[in-house]
Amino acid sequence: MSNVRAHRVGEQMKKELSDILMREIKDPRITFVTVTGVDVTGDLQQAKVYITVLGDDEQKEATLQGLSKAKGFIRSEVGKRIRLRKTPDLIFEFDNSIEYGNRIESLLQNLNREDK
């Protein structure tokens, strides 16, 4: 039963985090960030936030530094918007699944070209 609740809280956090990152954060390092998923532990104590950043590796690292700097503000905003006894601790990680999917897509296209 707690997994269903953790999933619901994760989806709500994903929506709220996207809104916070788009409208509330004024840090110039945090630009072109997309929240792709949120995994919340069963006890709702920690949340892994998966993000993608448009740009090169330098911009990704700068964005991660900006997010870690603004973690307290983001967590307090999530706490105001979602009524929980304790707001989960946020852990930001890059989501490499889109890059991985693009790599597979390009490999498949190359195979199709070689067959023709």
C-alpha atoms as a PDB file:
ATOM      1  CA  MET A   1       0.000   0.000   0.000  1.00  0.00           C
ATOM      2  CA  SER A   2       2.847   2.409   0.737  1.00  0.00           C
ATOM      3  CA  ASN A   3       4.253   1.925  -2.777  1.00  0.00           C
ATOM      4  CA  VAL A   4       1.041   3.306  -4.251  1.00  0.00           C
ATOM      5  CA  ARG A   5       1.254   6.332  -1.974  1.00  0.00           C
ATOM      6  CA  ALA A   6       4.954   6.826  -2.715  1.00  0.00           C
ATOM      7  CA  HIS A   7       4.179   6.724  -6.440  1.00  0.00           C
ATOM      8  CA  ARG A   8       1.373   9.285  -6.060  1.00  0.00           C
ATOM      9  CA  VAL A   9       3.587  11.569  -3.975  1.00  0.00           C
ATOM     10  CA  GLY A  10       6.364  11.194  -6.571  1.00  0.00           C
ATOM     11  CA  GLU A  11       4.057  12.196  -9.417  1.00  0.00           C
ATOM     12  CA  GLN A  12       2.784  15.203  -7.495  1.00  0.00           C
ATOM     13  CA  MET A  13       6.352  16.199  -6.618  1.00  0.00           C
ATOM     14  CA  LYS A  14       7.352  15.906 -10.286  1.00  0.00           C
ATOM     15  CA  LYS A  15       4.599  18.330 -11.249  1.00  0.00           C
ATOM     16  CA  GLU A  16       5.426  20.789  -8.474  1.00  0.00           C
ATOM     17  CA  LEU A  17       9.199  20.602  -9.040  1.00  0.00           C
ATOM     18  CA  SER A  18       8.734  21.362 -12.727  1.00  0.00           C
ATOM     19  CA  ASP A  19       6.664  24.400 -11.839  1.00  0.00           C
ATOM     20  CA  ILE A  20       9.153  25.569  -9.195  1.00  0.00           C
ATOM     21  CA  LEU A  21      12.140  25.199 -11.521  1.00  0.00           C
ATOM     22  CA  MET A  22      10.347  27.027 -14.299  1.00  0.00           C
ATOM     23  CA  ARG A  23       8.822  29.917 -12.328  1.00  0.00           C
ATOM     24  CA  GLU A  24      10.469  30.353  -8.935  1.00  0.00           C
ATOM     25  CA  ILE A  25      14.214  29.712  -9.384  1.00  0.00           C
ATOM     26  CA  LYS A  26      16.138  32.813 -10.463  1.00  0.00           C
ATOM     27  CA  ASP A  27      19.604  31.198 -10.637  1.00  0.00           C
ATOM     28  CA  PRO A  28      21.021  31.726 -14.171  1.00  0.00           C
ATOM     29  CA  ARG A  29      22.774  28.334 -13.982  1.00  0.00           C
ATOM     30  CA  ILE A  30      19.430  26.551 -13.842  1.00  0.00           C
ATOM     31  CA  THR A  31      18.090  26.847 -17.377  1.00  0.00           C
ATOM     32  CA  PHE A  32      16.517  24.356 -19.771  1.00  0.00           C
ATOM     33  CA  VAL A  33      15.915  21.783 -17.015  1.00  0.00           C
ATOM     34  CA  THR A  34      13.274  19.091 -17.400  1.00  0.00           C
ATOM     35  CA  VAL A  35      12.163  16.873 -14.537  1.00  0.00           C
ATOM     36  CA  THR A  36      11.720  13.411 -16.069  1.00  0.00           C
ATOM     37  CA  GLY A  37      10.885  11.449 -12.951  1.00  0.00           C
ATOM     38  CA  VAL A  38      10.811  11.314  -9.177  1.00  0.00           C
ATOM     39  CA  ASP A  39      11.374   8.122  -7.180  1.00  0.00           C
ATOM     40  CA  VAL A  40      10.236   8.409  -3.582  1.00  0.00           C
ATOM     41  CA  THR A  41      11.220   5.803  -0.992  1.00  0.00           C
ATOM     42  CA  GLY A  42       8.457   3.858   0.728  1.00  0.00           C
ATOM     43  CA  ASP A  43       8.869   5.805   3.978  1.00  0.00           C
ATOM     44  CA  LEU A  44       8.737   9.141   2.077  1.00  0.00           C
ATOM     45  CA  GLN A  45      12.060  10.271   3.544  1.00  0.00           C
ATOM     46  CA  GLN A  46      14.077  10.625   0.320  1.00  0.00           C
ATOM     47  CA  ALA A  47      13.245  11.468  -3.256  1.00  0.00           C
ATOM     48  CA  LYS A  48      15.537  10.994  -6.251  1.00  0.00           C
ATOM     49  CA  VAL A  49      14.745  13.642  -8.826  1.00  0.00           C
ATOM     50  CA  TYR A  50      15.792  12.694 -12.360  1.00  0.00           C
ATOM     51  CA  ILE A  51      16.501  15.663 -14.613  1.00  0.00           C
ATOM     52  CA  THR A  52      17.657  16.320 -18.141  1.00  0.00           C
ATOM     53  CA  VAL A  53      19.502  19.473 -19.158  1.00  0.00           C
ATOM     54  CA  LEU A  54      19.741  20.901 -22.639  1.00  0.00           C
ATOM     55  CA  GLY A  55      23.377  21.731 -23.272  1.00  0.00           C
ATOM     56  CA  ASP A  56      26.914  20.418 -22.985  1.00  0.00           C
ATOM     57  CA  ASP A  57      28.602  18.757 -20.009  1.00  0.00           C
ATOM     58  CA  GLU A  58      29.743  22.099 -18.586  1.00  0.00           C
ATOM     59  CA  GLN A  59      26.174  23.408 -18.506  1.00  0.00           C
ATOM     60  CA  LYS A  60      24.987  20.159 -16.922  1.00  0.00           C
ATOM     61  CA  GLU A  61      27.516  20.449 -14.104  1.00  0.00           C
ATOM     62  CA  ALA A  62      26.670  24.116 -13.555  1.00  0.00           C
ATOM     63  CA  THR A  63      22.982  23.217 -13.390  1.00  0.00           C
ATOM     64  CA  LEU A  64      23.656  20.454 -10.873  1.00  0.00           C
ATOM     65  CA  GLN A  65      25.658  22.889  -8.723  1.00  0.00           C
ATOM     66  CA  GLY A  66      22.832  25.439  -8.917  1.00  0.00           C
ATOM     67  CA  LEU A  67      20.264  22.842  -7.934  1.00  0.00           C
ATOM     68  CA  SER A  68      22.318  21.650  -4.982  1.00  0.00           C
ATOM     69  CA  LYS A  69      22.696  25.279  -3.871  1.00  0.00           C
ATOM     70  CA  ALA A  70      18.927  25.866  -4.148  1.00  0.00           C
ATOM     71  CA  LYS A  71      17.961  22.497  -2.625  1.00  0.00           C
ATOM     72  CA  GLY A  72      16.746  24.051   0.646  1.00  0.00           C
ATOM     73  CA  PHE A  73      14.524  26.575  -1.110  1.00  0.00           C
ATOM     74  CA  ILE A  74      13.138  23.945  -3.482  1.00  0.00           C
ATOM     75  CA  ARG A  75      12.420  21.575  -0.599  1.00  0.00           C
ATOM     76  CA  SER A  76      10.613  24.278   1.380  1.00  0.00           C
ATOM     77  CA  GLU A  77       8.517  25.205  -1.668  1.00  0.00           C
ATOM     78  CA  VAL A  78       7.573  21.561  -2.206  1.00  0.00           C
ATOM     79  CA  GLY A  79       6.658  21.359   1.483  1.00  0.00           C
ATOM     80  CA  LYS A  80       4.340  24.360   1.149  1.00  0.00           C
ATOM     81  CA  ARG A  81       2.627  22.962  -1.938  1.00  0.00           C
ATOM     82  CA  ILE A  82       2.277  19.329  -0.865  1.00  0.00           C
ATOM     83  CA  ARG A  83       0.935  18.668   2.607  1.00  0.00           C
ATOM     84  CA  LEU A  84       3.171  15.994   4.114  1.00  0.00           C
ATOM     85  CA  ARG A  85       4.286  15.425   7.679  1.00  0.00           C
ATOM     86  CA  LYS A  86       7.917  15.571   6.558  1.00  0.00           C
ATOM     87  CA  THR A  87       9.129  16.800   3.184  1.00  0.00           C
ATOM     88  CA  PRO A  88      11.432  14.252   1.508  1.00  0.00           C
ATOM     89  CA  ASP A  89      15.132  15.017   1.142  1.00  0.00           C
ATOM     90  CA  LEU A  90      15.877  15.774  -2.530  1.00  0.00           C
ATOM     91  CA  ILE A  91      18.672  14.062  -4.454  1.00  0.00           C
ATOM     92  CA  PHE A  92      19.192  15.361  -7.992  1.00  0.00           C
ATOM     93  CA  GLU A  93      20.536  12.969 -10.652  1.00  0.00           C
ATOM     94  CA  PHE A  94      20.879  13.147 -14.408  1.00  0.00           C
ATOM     95  CA  ASP A  95      18.541  10.995 -16.452  1.00  0.00           C
ATOM     96  CA  ASN A  96      20.603   9.442 -19.224  1.00  0.00           C
ATOM     97  CA  SER A  97      17.721   7.469 -20.717  1.00  0.00           C
ATOM     98  CA  ILE A  98      16.987  10.074 -23.405  1.00  0.00           C
ATOM     99  CA  GLU A  99      20.618  10.154 -24.554  1.00  0.00           C
ATOM    100  CA  TYR A 100      20.683   6.356 -24.443  1.00  0.00           C
ATOM    101  CA  GLY A 101      17.511   6.185 -26.541  1.00  0.00           C
ATOM    102  CA  ASN A 102      18.939   8.658 -29.075  1.00  0.00           C
ATOM    103  CA  ARG A 103      22.102   6.547 -29.315  1.00  0.00           C
ATOM    104  CA  ILE A 104      20.086   3.387 -29.995  1.00  0.00           C
ATOM    105  CA  GLU A 105      17.996   5.248 -32.558  1.00  0.00           C
ATOM    106  CA  SER A 106      21.091   6.436 -34.431  1.00  0.00           C
ATOM    107  CA  LEU A 107      22.577   2.913 -34.379  1.00  0.00           C
ATOM    108  CA  LEU A 108      19.354   1.489 -35.817  1.00  0.00           C
ATOM    109  CA  GLN A 109      19.286   4.142 -38.529  1.00  0.00           C
ATOM    110  CA  ASN A 110      22.885   3.325 -39.446  1.00  0.00           C
ATOM    111  CA  LEU A 111      21.999  -0.383 -39.696  1.00  0.00           C
ATOM    112  CA  ASN A 112      19.048   0.421 -41.952  1.00  0.00           C
ATOM    113  CA  ARG A 113      21.256   2.533 -44.222  1.00  0.00           C
ATOM    114  CA  GLU A 114      23.815  -0.277 -44.492  1.00  0.00           C
ATOM    115  CA  ASP A 115      21.094  -2.778 -45.452  1.00  0.00           C
ATOM    116  CA  LYS A 116      19.887  -0.595 -48.312  1.00  0.00           C
END
